[in-house]
N, C-alpha and C. Protein backbone atom coordinates (compact mmCIF):
# COMPACT_ATOMS: atom_id res chain seq x y z
N MET A 1 -97.41 -38.86 -100.79
CA MET A 1 -98.76 -39.19 -101.27
C MET A 1 -99.68 -39.43 -100.10
N ALA A 2 -100.86 -38.84 -100.11
CA ALA A 2 -101.82 -38.98 -99.01
C ALA A 2 -102.41 -40.37 -99.00
N ASP A 3 -102.84 -40.79 -97.83
CA ASP A 3 -103.49 -42.10 -97.69
C ASP A 3 -105.00 -41.93 -97.63
N LYS A 4 -105.71 -42.94 -98.06
CA LYS A 4 -107.16 -42.88 -98.04
C LYS A 4 -107.71 -43.34 -96.70
N ARG A 5 -108.81 -42.72 -96.30
CA ARG A 5 -109.50 -43.14 -95.10
C ARG A 5 -110.42 -44.31 -95.40
N LYS A 6 -110.80 -45.01 -94.34
CA LYS A 6 -111.64 -46.19 -94.51
C LYS A 6 -113.02 -45.83 -95.04
N ARG A 7 -113.54 -44.69 -94.60
CA ARG A 7 -114.88 -44.26 -95.01
C ARG A 7 -114.80 -42.95 -95.79
N ILE A 8 -115.83 -42.69 -96.54
CA ILE A 8 -115.92 -41.43 -97.27
C ILE A 8 -116.38 -40.31 -96.35
N TYR A 9 -117.29 -40.65 -95.42
CA TYR A 9 -117.86 -39.61 -94.54
C TYR A 9 -117.80 -40.05 -93.08
N TYR A 10 -117.47 -39.09 -92.20
CA TYR A 10 -117.46 -39.30 -90.76
C TYR A 10 -118.22 -38.15 -90.10
N THR A 11 -118.96 -38.45 -89.06
CA THR A 11 -119.60 -37.39 -88.29
C THR A 11 -118.55 -36.75 -87.38
N LYS A 12 -118.85 -35.56 -86.87
CA LYS A 12 -117.93 -34.88 -85.96
C LYS A 12 -117.65 -35.71 -84.71
N ALA A 13 -118.69 -36.45 -84.27
CA ALA A 13 -118.53 -37.26 -83.07
C ALA A 13 -117.56 -38.42 -83.27
N GLN A 14 -117.29 -38.75 -84.52
CA GLN A 14 -116.41 -39.88 -84.83
C GLN A 14 -114.96 -39.45 -85.02
N ILE A 15 -114.69 -38.15 -84.89
CA ILE A 15 -113.34 -37.63 -85.14
C ILE A 15 -112.85 -36.83 -83.92
N THR A 16 -111.62 -37.06 -83.52
CA THR A 16 -110.97 -36.22 -82.51
C THR A 16 -109.84 -35.47 -83.21
N GLU A 17 -110.00 -34.15 -83.32
CA GLU A 17 -109.07 -33.35 -84.10
C GLU A 17 -108.12 -32.56 -83.20
N GLY A 18 -107.08 -32.02 -83.82
CA GLY A 18 -106.18 -31.10 -83.14
C GLY A 18 -105.29 -31.70 -82.08
N LEU A 19 -105.02 -33.00 -82.15
CA LEU A 19 -104.10 -33.62 -81.20
C LEU A 19 -102.66 -33.30 -81.60
N VAL A 20 -101.75 -33.36 -80.64
CA VAL A 20 -100.36 -33.02 -80.92
C VAL A 20 -99.44 -34.07 -80.32
N THR A 21 -98.43 -34.47 -81.07
CA THR A 21 -97.40 -35.35 -80.55
C THR A 21 -96.04 -34.69 -80.69
N ASN A 22 -95.24 -34.77 -79.64
CA ASN A 22 -93.87 -34.24 -79.66
C ASN A 22 -92.86 -35.32 -80.03
N GLY A 23 -93.37 -36.47 -80.43
CA GLY A 23 -92.49 -37.56 -80.82
C GLY A 23 -92.63 -38.75 -79.90
N GLY A 24 -92.19 -39.90 -80.38
CA GLY A 24 -92.22 -41.11 -79.57
C GLY A 24 -93.57 -41.77 -79.50
N GLU A 25 -94.54 -41.32 -80.29
CA GLU A 25 -95.89 -41.89 -80.26
C GLU A 25 -96.30 -42.51 -81.59
N TRP A 26 -96.03 -41.78 -82.69
CA TRP A 26 -96.53 -42.21 -84.00
C TRP A 26 -95.43 -42.13 -85.04
N MET A 27 -95.60 -42.93 -86.09
CA MET A 27 -94.70 -42.84 -87.24
C MET A 27 -95.48 -43.18 -88.50
N PHE A 28 -94.92 -42.78 -89.66
CA PHE A 28 -95.52 -43.14 -90.94
C PHE A 28 -95.20 -44.61 -91.23
N THR A 29 -95.88 -45.16 -92.20
CA THR A 29 -95.66 -46.57 -92.54
C THR A 29 -94.29 -46.82 -93.16
N ASP A 30 -93.56 -45.75 -93.51
CA ASP A 30 -92.19 -45.93 -94.00
C ASP A 30 -91.17 -45.85 -92.86
N ASN A 31 -91.66 -45.90 -91.61
CA ASN A 31 -90.85 -45.92 -90.39
C ASN A 31 -90.31 -44.55 -89.98
N THR A 32 -90.77 -43.48 -90.61
CA THR A 32 -90.35 -42.13 -90.25
C THR A 32 -91.16 -41.63 -89.06
N GLU A 33 -90.48 -41.23 -87.99
CA GLU A 33 -91.18 -40.72 -86.80
C GLU A 33 -91.97 -39.46 -87.15
N TYR A 34 -93.16 -39.35 -86.58
CA TYR A 34 -93.99 -38.17 -86.86
C TYR A 34 -94.04 -37.26 -85.64
N ILE A 35 -93.84 -35.97 -85.87
CA ILE A 35 -93.97 -34.94 -84.84
C ILE A 35 -94.88 -33.85 -85.39
N GLY A 36 -95.91 -33.51 -84.66
CA GLY A 36 -96.83 -32.48 -85.12
C GLY A 36 -98.26 -32.81 -84.78
N GLN A 37 -99.19 -32.17 -85.46
CA GLN A 37 -100.61 -32.36 -85.18
C GLN A 37 -101.13 -33.60 -85.90
N TYR A 38 -102.11 -34.22 -85.26
CA TYR A 38 -102.74 -35.40 -85.86
C TYR A 38 -104.19 -35.49 -85.39
N HIS A 39 -104.94 -36.41 -85.95
CA HIS A 39 -106.32 -36.61 -85.54
C HIS A 39 -106.66 -38.10 -85.63
N THR A 40 -107.68 -38.50 -84.87
CA THR A 40 -108.05 -39.91 -84.80
C THR A 40 -109.53 -40.10 -85.10
N TYR A 41 -109.88 -41.33 -85.39
CA TYR A 41 -111.26 -41.70 -85.71
C TYR A 41 -111.70 -42.87 -84.83
N THR A 42 -113.00 -42.97 -84.62
CA THR A 42 -113.51 -44.08 -83.82
C THR A 42 -113.33 -45.42 -84.50
N THR A 43 -112.98 -45.41 -85.77
CA THR A 43 -112.67 -46.64 -86.49
C THR A 43 -111.29 -47.17 -86.15
N GLY A 44 -110.51 -46.39 -85.39
CA GLY A 44 -109.15 -46.79 -85.04
C GLY A 44 -108.09 -46.16 -85.93
N GLU A 45 -108.51 -45.43 -86.96
CA GLU A 45 -107.57 -44.79 -87.86
C GLU A 45 -106.93 -43.56 -87.20
N VAL A 46 -105.66 -43.34 -87.51
CA VAL A 46 -104.92 -42.18 -87.03
C VAL A 46 -104.24 -41.54 -88.24
N PHE A 47 -104.45 -40.22 -88.42
CA PHE A 47 -103.89 -39.53 -89.58
C PHE A 47 -103.14 -38.27 -89.15
N SER A 48 -102.14 -37.92 -89.95
CA SER A 48 -101.40 -36.67 -89.73
C SER A 48 -102.28 -35.48 -90.06
N GLU A 49 -101.87 -34.31 -89.59
CA GLU A 49 -102.57 -33.03 -89.71
C GLU A 49 -103.68 -32.94 -88.64
N ALA A 50 -104.00 -31.72 -88.26
CA ALA A 50 -104.99 -31.49 -87.21
C ALA A 50 -106.37 -32.02 -87.60
N SER A 51 -106.69 -31.95 -88.87
CA SER A 51 -107.90 -32.53 -89.44
C SER A 51 -107.54 -33.05 -90.82
N TYR A 52 -108.42 -33.82 -91.41
CA TYR A 52 -108.07 -34.48 -92.66
C TYR A 52 -107.92 -33.47 -93.79
N VAL A 53 -106.76 -33.55 -94.47
CA VAL A 53 -106.47 -32.70 -95.61
C VAL A 53 -106.23 -33.62 -96.81
N LYS A 54 -107.10 -33.52 -97.78
CA LYS A 54 -106.98 -34.36 -98.96
C LYS A 54 -105.63 -34.15 -99.64
N ASP A 55 -105.02 -35.26 -100.03
CA ASP A 55 -103.73 -35.27 -100.72
C ASP A 55 -102.56 -34.84 -99.82
N LYS A 56 -102.82 -34.71 -98.51
CA LYS A 56 -101.73 -34.35 -97.59
C LYS A 56 -101.68 -35.26 -96.36
N SER A 57 -102.84 -35.53 -95.76
CA SER A 57 -102.86 -36.35 -94.55
C SER A 57 -102.40 -37.77 -94.86
N ARG A 58 -101.57 -38.30 -93.95
CA ARG A 58 -101.05 -39.66 -94.12
C ARG A 58 -101.37 -40.49 -92.89
N ILE A 59 -101.55 -41.77 -93.09
CA ILE A 59 -101.89 -42.65 -91.99
C ILE A 59 -100.69 -42.80 -91.05
N LEU A 60 -100.96 -42.89 -89.75
CA LEU A 60 -99.93 -43.06 -88.73
C LEU A 60 -100.11 -44.40 -88.03
N ILE A 61 -99.00 -44.99 -87.64
CA ILE A 61 -99.02 -46.22 -86.86
C ILE A 61 -98.19 -46.00 -85.60
N PRO A 62 -98.36 -46.82 -84.54
CA PRO A 62 -97.61 -46.63 -83.31
C PRO A 62 -96.09 -46.63 -83.55
N TYR A 63 -95.42 -45.74 -82.85
CA TYR A 63 -93.98 -45.53 -83.05
C TYR A 63 -93.15 -46.66 -82.46
N ILE A 64 -92.16 -47.08 -83.21
CA ILE A 64 -91.16 -48.04 -82.75
C ILE A 64 -89.79 -47.46 -83.05
N ASN A 65 -88.88 -47.51 -82.08
CA ASN A 65 -87.53 -47.01 -82.28
C ASN A 65 -86.73 -48.02 -83.09
N ILE A 66 -86.69 -47.83 -84.40
CA ILE A 66 -86.04 -48.77 -85.30
C ILE A 66 -84.54 -48.83 -85.04
N ASP A 67 -83.91 -47.66 -84.80
CA ASP A 67 -82.47 -47.62 -84.57
C ASP A 67 -82.08 -48.45 -83.36
N LEU A 68 -82.90 -48.35 -82.29
CA LEU A 68 -82.59 -49.11 -81.09
C LEU A 68 -82.69 -50.60 -81.34
N ILE A 69 -83.71 -51.00 -82.08
CA ILE A 69 -83.87 -52.41 -82.40
C ILE A 69 -82.68 -52.91 -83.22
N ASN A 70 -82.24 -52.11 -84.20
CA ASN A 70 -81.10 -52.50 -85.03
C ASN A 70 -79.83 -52.61 -84.21
N GLU A 71 -79.63 -51.65 -83.27
CA GLU A 71 -78.43 -51.67 -82.43
C GLU A 71 -78.42 -52.93 -81.55
N GLN A 72 -79.59 -53.26 -81.00
CA GLN A 72 -79.66 -54.45 -80.15
C GLN A 72 -79.35 -55.71 -80.94
N ASN A 73 -79.85 -55.77 -82.16
CA ASN A 73 -79.60 -56.95 -82.98
C ASN A 73 -78.12 -57.07 -83.34
N GLU A 74 -77.46 -55.92 -83.58
CA GLU A 74 -76.06 -55.93 -83.98
C GLU A 74 -75.15 -56.44 -82.87
N ILE A 75 -75.52 -56.20 -81.61
CA ILE A 75 -74.67 -56.67 -80.50
C ILE A 75 -75.17 -57.98 -79.92
N GLY A 76 -76.12 -58.60 -80.60
CA GLY A 76 -76.53 -59.94 -80.22
C GLY A 76 -77.58 -60.04 -79.14
N ILE A 77 -78.31 -58.94 -78.87
CA ILE A 77 -79.37 -59.00 -77.87
C ILE A 77 -80.61 -59.63 -78.47
N ASP A 78 -81.20 -60.57 -77.75
CA ASP A 78 -82.40 -61.24 -78.23
C ASP A 78 -83.59 -60.31 -78.07
N THR A 79 -84.18 -59.89 -79.19
CA THR A 79 -85.32 -58.96 -79.14
C THR A 79 -86.64 -59.66 -79.41
N THR A 80 -86.66 -60.97 -79.37
CA THR A 80 -87.88 -61.70 -79.72
C THR A 80 -88.99 -61.46 -78.71
N LYS A 81 -88.64 -61.08 -77.47
CA LYS A 81 -89.66 -60.85 -76.46
C LYS A 81 -90.04 -59.38 -76.36
N ASN A 82 -89.38 -58.55 -77.17
CA ASN A 82 -89.73 -57.13 -77.18
C ASN A 82 -91.04 -56.92 -77.91
N PHE A 83 -91.47 -55.69 -77.93
CA PHE A 83 -92.70 -55.33 -78.65
C PHE A 83 -92.64 -55.82 -80.08
N GLU A 84 -93.71 -56.41 -80.59
CA GLU A 84 -93.67 -57.09 -81.88
C GLU A 84 -93.65 -56.07 -83.01
N TYR A 85 -92.42 -55.62 -83.31
CA TYR A 85 -92.27 -54.57 -84.31
C TYR A 85 -92.80 -54.98 -85.68
N ASP A 86 -92.48 -56.20 -86.10
CA ASP A 86 -92.91 -56.62 -87.43
C ASP A 86 -94.42 -56.58 -87.57
N ASN A 87 -95.12 -56.96 -86.50
CA ASN A 87 -96.58 -56.92 -86.54
C ASN A 87 -97.10 -55.50 -86.60
N ILE A 88 -96.47 -54.61 -85.81
CA ILE A 88 -96.88 -53.21 -85.82
C ILE A 88 -96.62 -52.59 -87.20
N LYS A 89 -95.46 -52.92 -87.76
CA LYS A 89 -95.08 -52.36 -89.05
C LYS A 89 -96.11 -52.69 -90.13
N ASN A 90 -96.65 -53.89 -90.05
CA ASN A 90 -97.60 -54.34 -91.06
C ASN A 90 -99.05 -54.15 -90.66
N LEU A 91 -99.27 -53.51 -89.51
CA LEU A 91 -100.62 -53.35 -89.00
C LEU A 91 -101.45 -52.43 -89.88
N ASP A 92 -102.64 -52.89 -90.23
CA ASP A 92 -103.60 -52.06 -90.95
C ASP A 92 -104.48 -51.40 -89.90
N VAL A 93 -104.13 -50.15 -89.55
CA VAL A 93 -104.82 -49.47 -88.45
C VAL A 93 -106.31 -49.36 -88.73
N SER A 94 -106.69 -49.26 -89.99
CA SER A 94 -108.10 -49.10 -90.33
C SER A 94 -108.92 -50.31 -89.93
N LYS A 95 -108.25 -51.46 -89.69
CA LYS A 95 -108.98 -52.66 -89.30
C LYS A 95 -109.15 -52.77 -87.79
N SER A 96 -108.48 -51.88 -87.05
CA SER A 96 -108.60 -51.90 -85.59
C SER A 96 -109.81 -51.09 -85.18
N ILE A 97 -110.97 -51.63 -85.43
CA ILE A 97 -112.22 -50.90 -85.20
C ILE A 97 -112.46 -50.73 -83.71
N ILE A 98 -112.74 -49.50 -83.29
CA ILE A 98 -113.00 -49.23 -81.89
C ILE A 98 -114.50 -49.30 -81.65
N PRO A 99 -114.96 -50.23 -80.84
CA PRO A 99 -116.39 -50.33 -80.58
C PRO A 99 -116.86 -49.22 -79.65
N ASN A 100 -118.14 -48.96 -79.65
CA ASN A 100 -118.69 -48.04 -78.67
C ASN A 100 -118.56 -48.65 -77.28
N PRO A 101 -118.28 -47.82 -76.26
CA PRO A 101 -118.22 -48.36 -74.90
C PRO A 101 -119.51 -49.09 -74.55
N SER A 102 -119.40 -50.22 -73.89
CA SER A 102 -120.58 -51.02 -73.56
C SER A 102 -120.41 -51.58 -72.15
N ARG A 103 -121.52 -51.81 -71.48
CA ARG A 103 -121.47 -52.27 -70.10
C ARG A 103 -122.07 -53.66 -69.98
N GLN A 104 -121.39 -54.48 -69.20
CA GLN A 104 -121.89 -55.82 -68.97
C GLN A 104 -123.09 -55.76 -68.01
N PRO A 105 -124.25 -56.30 -68.39
CA PRO A 105 -125.42 -56.25 -67.50
C PRO A 105 -125.20 -57.07 -66.23
N ILE A 106 -125.87 -56.65 -65.16
CA ILE A 106 -125.76 -57.34 -63.88
C ILE A 106 -126.71 -58.53 -63.86
N SER A 107 -126.21 -59.67 -63.44
CA SER A 107 -127.02 -60.90 -63.36
C SER A 107 -127.49 -61.13 -61.93
N ASN A 108 -128.40 -62.07 -61.76
CA ASN A 108 -128.87 -62.43 -60.42
C ASN A 108 -127.74 -62.99 -59.57
N ASN A 109 -126.83 -63.72 -60.20
CA ASN A 109 -125.68 -64.25 -59.46
C ASN A 109 -124.78 -63.13 -58.96
N ASP A 110 -124.66 -62.05 -59.75
CA ASP A 110 -123.88 -60.89 -59.32
C ASP A 110 -124.49 -60.27 -58.07
N ILE A 111 -125.81 -60.16 -58.09
CA ILE A 111 -126.51 -59.55 -56.95
C ILE A 111 -126.28 -60.38 -55.69
N LYS A 112 -126.32 -61.68 -55.83
CA LYS A 112 -126.12 -62.56 -54.68
C LYS A 112 -124.69 -62.48 -54.15
N SER A 113 -123.73 -62.37 -55.05
CA SER A 113 -122.33 -62.36 -54.63
C SER A 113 -121.84 -60.99 -54.19
N GLU A 114 -122.63 -59.93 -54.51
CA GLU A 114 -122.31 -58.53 -54.20
C GLU A 114 -121.19 -57.97 -55.06
N TYR A 115 -120.73 -58.72 -56.05
CA TYR A 115 -119.66 -58.27 -56.93
C TYR A 115 -120.02 -58.55 -58.38
N ILE A 116 -119.47 -57.75 -59.29
CA ILE A 116 -119.55 -58.04 -60.72
C ILE A 116 -118.14 -57.99 -61.30
N ILE A 117 -118.01 -58.51 -62.51
CA ILE A 117 -116.75 -58.37 -63.25
C ILE A 117 -116.94 -57.30 -64.31
N ARG A 118 -116.08 -56.30 -64.30
CA ARG A 118 -116.09 -55.26 -65.32
C ARG A 118 -114.94 -55.52 -66.29
N TYR A 119 -115.21 -55.30 -67.57
CA TYR A 119 -114.25 -55.65 -68.62
C TYR A 119 -113.74 -54.39 -69.31
N PHE A 120 -112.42 -54.33 -69.53
CA PHE A 120 -111.81 -53.13 -70.10
C PHE A 120 -110.77 -53.50 -71.16
N ALA A 121 -110.52 -52.52 -72.03
CA ALA A 121 -109.40 -52.60 -72.97
C ALA A 121 -108.59 -51.32 -72.83
N TYR A 122 -107.27 -51.46 -72.79
CA TYR A 122 -106.34 -50.36 -72.55
C TYR A 122 -105.43 -50.21 -73.76
N LYS A 123 -105.43 -49.02 -74.38
CA LYS A 123 -104.61 -48.79 -75.56
C LYS A 123 -103.18 -48.48 -75.12
N VAL A 124 -102.25 -49.30 -75.53
CA VAL A 124 -100.91 -49.27 -74.95
C VAL A 124 -100.11 -48.03 -75.30
N ASN A 125 -100.42 -47.38 -76.43
CA ASN A 125 -99.58 -46.25 -76.83
C ASN A 125 -100.05 -44.91 -76.28
N ASP A 126 -101.33 -44.80 -75.86
CA ASP A 126 -101.77 -43.51 -75.34
C ASP A 126 -102.64 -43.61 -74.09
N GLY A 127 -102.86 -44.83 -73.57
CA GLY A 127 -103.59 -44.99 -72.32
C GLY A 127 -105.09 -44.88 -72.44
N GLN A 128 -105.63 -44.81 -73.66
CA GLN A 128 -107.09 -44.74 -73.82
C GLN A 128 -107.73 -45.99 -73.25
N LEU A 129 -108.87 -45.79 -72.57
CA LEU A 129 -109.58 -46.91 -71.96
C LEU A 129 -110.98 -47.05 -72.54
N LEU A 130 -111.42 -48.27 -72.69
CA LEU A 130 -112.78 -48.57 -73.10
C LEU A 130 -113.35 -49.60 -72.15
N GLU A 131 -114.59 -49.38 -71.70
CA GLU A 131 -115.28 -50.43 -70.96
C GLU A 131 -116.11 -51.23 -71.95
N LEU A 132 -116.06 -52.54 -71.82
CA LEU A 132 -116.68 -53.43 -72.79
C LEU A 132 -117.62 -54.42 -72.10
N ASP A 133 -118.57 -54.96 -72.87
CA ASP A 133 -119.31 -56.09 -72.35
C ASP A 133 -118.47 -57.35 -72.57
N LYS A 134 -118.90 -58.46 -72.01
CA LYS A 134 -118.08 -59.68 -72.04
C LYS A 134 -117.83 -60.17 -73.46
N ASP A 135 -118.86 -60.12 -74.32
CA ASP A 135 -118.71 -60.61 -75.69
C ASP A 135 -117.67 -59.80 -76.46
N THR A 136 -117.73 -58.45 -76.34
CA THR A 136 -116.77 -57.59 -77.04
C THR A 136 -115.37 -57.79 -76.47
N TYR A 137 -115.29 -57.97 -75.16
CA TYR A 137 -114.01 -58.22 -74.49
C TYR A 137 -113.37 -59.50 -75.03
N ASN A 138 -114.18 -60.53 -75.20
CA ASN A 138 -113.65 -61.81 -75.68
C ASN A 138 -113.21 -61.75 -77.14
N LYS A 139 -113.67 -60.73 -77.87
CA LYS A 139 -113.30 -60.60 -79.29
C LYS A 139 -111.96 -59.87 -79.48
N VAL A 140 -111.41 -59.30 -78.40
CA VAL A 140 -110.12 -58.61 -78.53
C VAL A 140 -109.08 -59.59 -79.06
N GLY A 141 -108.43 -59.22 -80.14
CA GLY A 141 -107.46 -60.11 -80.75
C GLY A 141 -108.00 -60.93 -81.90
N SER A 142 -109.33 -60.92 -82.07
CA SER A 142 -109.93 -61.65 -83.18
C SER A 142 -110.08 -60.72 -84.37
N GLU A 143 -110.48 -61.26 -85.51
CA GLU A 143 -110.57 -60.47 -86.73
C GLU A 143 -111.57 -59.34 -86.63
N ASP A 144 -112.66 -59.55 -85.88
CA ASP A 144 -113.69 -58.50 -85.78
C ASP A 144 -113.65 -57.79 -84.44
N GLY A 145 -112.51 -57.87 -83.74
CA GLY A 145 -112.36 -57.19 -82.46
C GLY A 145 -111.17 -56.25 -82.47
N LEU A 146 -110.89 -55.65 -81.32
CA LEU A 146 -109.75 -54.74 -81.18
C LEU A 146 -108.44 -55.49 -81.42
N ASP A 147 -107.48 -54.77 -81.99
CA ASP A 147 -106.20 -55.39 -82.29
C ASP A 147 -105.42 -55.66 -81.00
N LYS A 148 -104.92 -56.88 -80.84
CA LYS A 148 -104.26 -57.28 -79.60
C LYS A 148 -102.89 -56.63 -79.42
N ILE A 149 -102.33 -56.07 -80.51
CA ILE A 149 -101.05 -55.38 -80.39
C ILE A 149 -101.25 -53.99 -79.77
N LEU A 150 -102.32 -53.32 -80.18
CA LEU A 150 -102.58 -51.97 -79.69
C LEU A 150 -103.34 -51.96 -78.36
N TRP A 151 -104.12 -52.99 -78.10
CA TRP A 151 -105.00 -52.99 -76.94
C TRP A 151 -104.70 -54.17 -76.02
N ARG A 152 -104.67 -53.87 -74.71
CA ARG A 152 -104.48 -54.90 -73.70
C ARG A 152 -105.76 -54.97 -72.87
N LYS A 153 -106.30 -56.14 -72.70
CA LYS A 153 -107.56 -56.25 -71.97
C LYS A 153 -107.32 -56.69 -70.52
N PHE A 154 -108.20 -56.24 -69.64
CA PHE A 154 -108.11 -56.63 -68.24
C PHE A 154 -109.50 -56.55 -67.59
N GLN A 155 -109.61 -57.15 -66.41
CA GLN A 155 -110.88 -57.20 -65.70
C GLN A 155 -110.75 -56.56 -64.32
N LEU A 156 -111.88 -56.09 -63.80
CA LEU A 156 -111.97 -55.59 -62.43
C LEU A 156 -113.07 -56.34 -61.69
N ARG A 157 -112.78 -56.76 -60.47
CA ARG A 157 -113.82 -57.30 -59.59
C ARG A 157 -114.39 -56.11 -58.82
N TRP A 158 -115.66 -55.80 -59.07
CA TRP A 158 -116.26 -54.53 -58.65
C TRP A 158 -117.40 -54.78 -57.67
N LYS A 159 -117.33 -54.16 -56.50
CA LYS A 159 -118.36 -54.36 -55.47
C LYS A 159 -119.58 -53.52 -55.80
N VAL A 160 -120.76 -54.11 -55.74
CA VAL A 160 -121.99 -53.41 -56.12
C VAL A 160 -123.05 -53.38 -55.01
N SER A 161 -122.81 -54.09 -53.93
CA SER A 161 -123.82 -54.15 -52.88
C SER A 161 -123.16 -54.12 -51.51
N GLY A 162 -123.87 -53.55 -50.51
CA GLY A 162 -123.35 -53.44 -49.17
C GLY A 162 -123.39 -52.01 -48.69
N PRO A 163 -122.79 -51.72 -47.53
CA PRO A 163 -122.74 -50.34 -47.04
C PRO A 163 -121.82 -49.50 -47.93
N ASP A 164 -121.99 -48.18 -47.88
CA ASP A 164 -121.13 -47.32 -48.68
C ASP A 164 -119.67 -47.43 -48.26
N ASN A 165 -119.44 -47.43 -46.96
CA ASN A 165 -118.07 -47.46 -46.45
C ASN A 165 -117.84 -48.67 -45.55
N ASP A 166 -116.58 -49.01 -45.33
CA ASP A 166 -116.24 -50.13 -44.47
C ASP A 166 -116.82 -49.93 -43.08
N ILE A 167 -117.28 -50.98 -42.49
CA ILE A 167 -117.74 -50.95 -41.10
C ILE A 167 -116.60 -51.50 -40.24
N ILE A 168 -116.11 -50.67 -39.35
CA ILE A 168 -114.93 -51.00 -38.56
C ILE A 168 -115.33 -51.44 -37.15
N LYS A 169 -114.75 -52.53 -36.70
CA LYS A 169 -115.00 -53.01 -35.34
C LYS A 169 -114.11 -52.26 -34.34
N SER A 170 -114.38 -52.46 -33.10
CA SER A 170 -113.65 -51.73 -32.05
C SER A 170 -112.16 -52.04 -32.05
N ASP A 171 -111.79 -53.22 -32.54
CA ASP A 171 -110.37 -53.57 -32.57
C ASP A 171 -109.67 -53.07 -33.83
N GLY A 172 -110.42 -52.33 -34.66
CA GLY A 172 -109.83 -51.76 -35.87
C GLY A 172 -109.95 -52.62 -37.11
N SER A 173 -110.43 -53.83 -36.97
CA SER A 173 -110.60 -54.70 -38.14
C SER A 173 -111.92 -54.38 -38.85
N ILE A 174 -112.05 -54.82 -40.07
CA ILE A 174 -113.25 -54.55 -40.86
C ILE A 174 -114.25 -55.69 -40.70
N SER A 175 -115.44 -55.33 -40.25
CA SER A 175 -116.48 -56.36 -40.10
C SER A 175 -117.29 -56.53 -41.38
N GLU A 176 -117.39 -55.46 -42.17
CA GLU A 176 -118.09 -55.54 -43.45
C GLU A 176 -117.47 -54.51 -44.41
N TYR A 177 -117.16 -54.99 -45.60
CA TYR A 177 -116.51 -54.13 -46.59
C TYR A 177 -117.53 -53.24 -47.29
N GLY A 178 -117.18 -51.95 -47.42
CA GLY A 178 -118.07 -51.00 -48.06
C GLY A 178 -117.83 -50.90 -49.57
N ILE A 179 -118.87 -50.47 -50.28
CA ILE A 179 -118.78 -50.35 -51.74
C ILE A 179 -117.69 -49.36 -52.14
N ILE A 180 -117.77 -48.14 -51.61
CA ILE A 180 -116.83 -47.08 -52.01
C ILE A 180 -115.40 -47.42 -51.63
N ASP A 181 -115.19 -47.82 -50.39
CA ASP A 181 -113.83 -48.11 -49.92
C ASP A 181 -113.22 -49.30 -50.66
N THR A 182 -114.02 -50.33 -50.89
CA THR A 182 -113.51 -51.51 -51.60
C THR A 182 -113.11 -51.16 -53.03
N ASN A 183 -113.99 -50.43 -53.72
CA ASN A 183 -113.69 -50.10 -55.12
C ASN A 183 -112.54 -49.11 -55.24
N LYS A 184 -112.38 -48.23 -54.25
CA LYS A 184 -111.22 -47.33 -54.24
C LYS A 184 -109.92 -48.13 -54.16
N ARG A 185 -109.92 -49.14 -53.32
CA ARG A 185 -108.73 -49.98 -53.18
C ARG A 185 -108.44 -50.74 -54.48
N THR A 186 -109.51 -51.21 -55.11
CA THR A 186 -109.35 -51.94 -56.37
C THR A 186 -108.74 -51.05 -57.44
N ILE A 187 -109.26 -49.82 -57.56
CA ILE A 187 -108.76 -48.89 -58.57
C ILE A 187 -107.31 -48.49 -58.28
N ALA A 188 -107.00 -48.22 -57.02
CA ALA A 188 -105.64 -47.82 -56.65
C ALA A 188 -104.64 -48.90 -57.03
N LEU A 189 -104.99 -50.14 -56.79
CA LEU A 189 -104.10 -51.25 -57.10
C LEU A 189 -103.95 -51.45 -58.61
N LYS A 190 -105.05 -51.41 -59.32
CA LYS A 190 -105.02 -51.67 -60.77
C LYS A 190 -104.38 -50.50 -61.52
N SER A 191 -104.45 -49.30 -60.96
CA SER A 191 -103.89 -48.13 -61.62
C SER A 191 -102.37 -48.18 -61.68
N GLU A 192 -101.75 -49.01 -60.88
CA GLU A 192 -100.30 -49.17 -60.96
C GLU A 192 -99.90 -49.74 -62.32
N GLU A 193 -100.78 -50.55 -62.89
CA GLU A 193 -100.52 -51.15 -64.20
C GLU A 193 -101.17 -50.37 -65.33
N TYR A 194 -102.33 -49.75 -65.02
CA TYR A 194 -103.07 -48.99 -66.03
C TYR A 194 -103.33 -47.58 -65.48
N PRO A 195 -102.37 -46.67 -65.63
CA PRO A 195 -102.39 -45.37 -64.93
C PRO A 195 -103.62 -44.51 -65.21
N THR A 196 -104.20 -44.59 -66.41
CA THR A 196 -105.33 -43.73 -66.73
C THR A 196 -106.64 -44.20 -66.10
N LEU A 197 -106.60 -45.36 -65.47
CA LEU A 197 -107.82 -45.91 -64.86
C LEU A 197 -108.34 -45.01 -63.74
N MET A 198 -107.41 -44.38 -63.01
CA MET A 198 -107.79 -43.52 -61.89
C MET A 198 -108.63 -42.33 -62.35
N ASP A 199 -108.34 -41.83 -63.54
CA ASP A 199 -109.11 -40.72 -64.09
C ASP A 199 -110.37 -41.19 -64.80
N TYR A 200 -110.33 -42.40 -65.32
CA TYR A 200 -111.46 -42.93 -66.09
C TYR A 200 -112.65 -43.26 -65.17
N ILE A 201 -112.36 -43.85 -64.02
CA ILE A 201 -113.42 -44.22 -63.08
C ILE A 201 -113.37 -43.29 -61.88
N VAL A 202 -114.39 -42.48 -61.72
CA VAL A 202 -114.45 -41.55 -60.59
C VAL A 202 -115.67 -41.82 -59.71
N ASP A 203 -116.59 -42.63 -60.19
CA ASP A 203 -117.79 -42.97 -59.42
C ASP A 203 -117.60 -44.37 -58.84
N TYR A 204 -117.27 -44.42 -57.56
CA TYR A 204 -116.98 -45.70 -56.93
C TYR A 204 -118.26 -46.47 -56.56
N LYS A 205 -119.41 -45.84 -56.76
CA LYS A 205 -120.68 -46.55 -56.53
C LYS A 205 -121.34 -46.90 -57.87
N ASP A 206 -120.63 -46.74 -58.94
CA ASP A 206 -121.18 -47.10 -60.26
C ASP A 206 -121.60 -48.57 -60.23
N TYR A 207 -122.73 -48.87 -60.79
CA TYR A 207 -123.32 -50.22 -60.85
C TYR A 207 -123.98 -50.65 -59.54
N SER A 208 -123.83 -49.86 -58.46
CA SER A 208 -124.34 -50.33 -57.17
C SER A 208 -125.86 -50.52 -57.22
N ILE A 209 -126.32 -51.49 -56.45
CA ILE A 209 -127.75 -51.86 -56.47
C ILE A 209 -128.35 -51.74 -55.08
């Protein structure tokens, strides 16, 4: 039986069609792993089929290896610190509303300090990134914000003022940190934890004043 979408009508800009999974990403709400084409919505909904097919498309939720969890429980392994399967199983994906990307405005204090804080949310199952303003960032995990099971939030300390590149003294030390070089180092370090960040941010002078 097909599942209903949250809305009756969506614009083309609100739908990403023709995605493909080879497994290990999505499953139906009855815990059956899904392999094949699927599509997503800016509301956070994920459905089977390349585009929505009435009476055929079914809602998808993030994949959990149920057999592995059962095997671990049978041999006495404590799985309480593993990914919260019960929460995922009962997750209403339609409630995980994805906000439009938003940017935190620069304050006078930011200008004085030469740095700003940038706020992000990282989707754990596919690496999707969103830049958020502070208010939206703080709502992650709340009823009207991104779901904390699917999204992990993090911050970047981002240089916005100074020379473009590091100024090097004769002894090889840095006398003044540059915008581009500093932000490149920040991205390289943070990308170890959030791999898609390197592709998401390509302008190292973004926000510079």
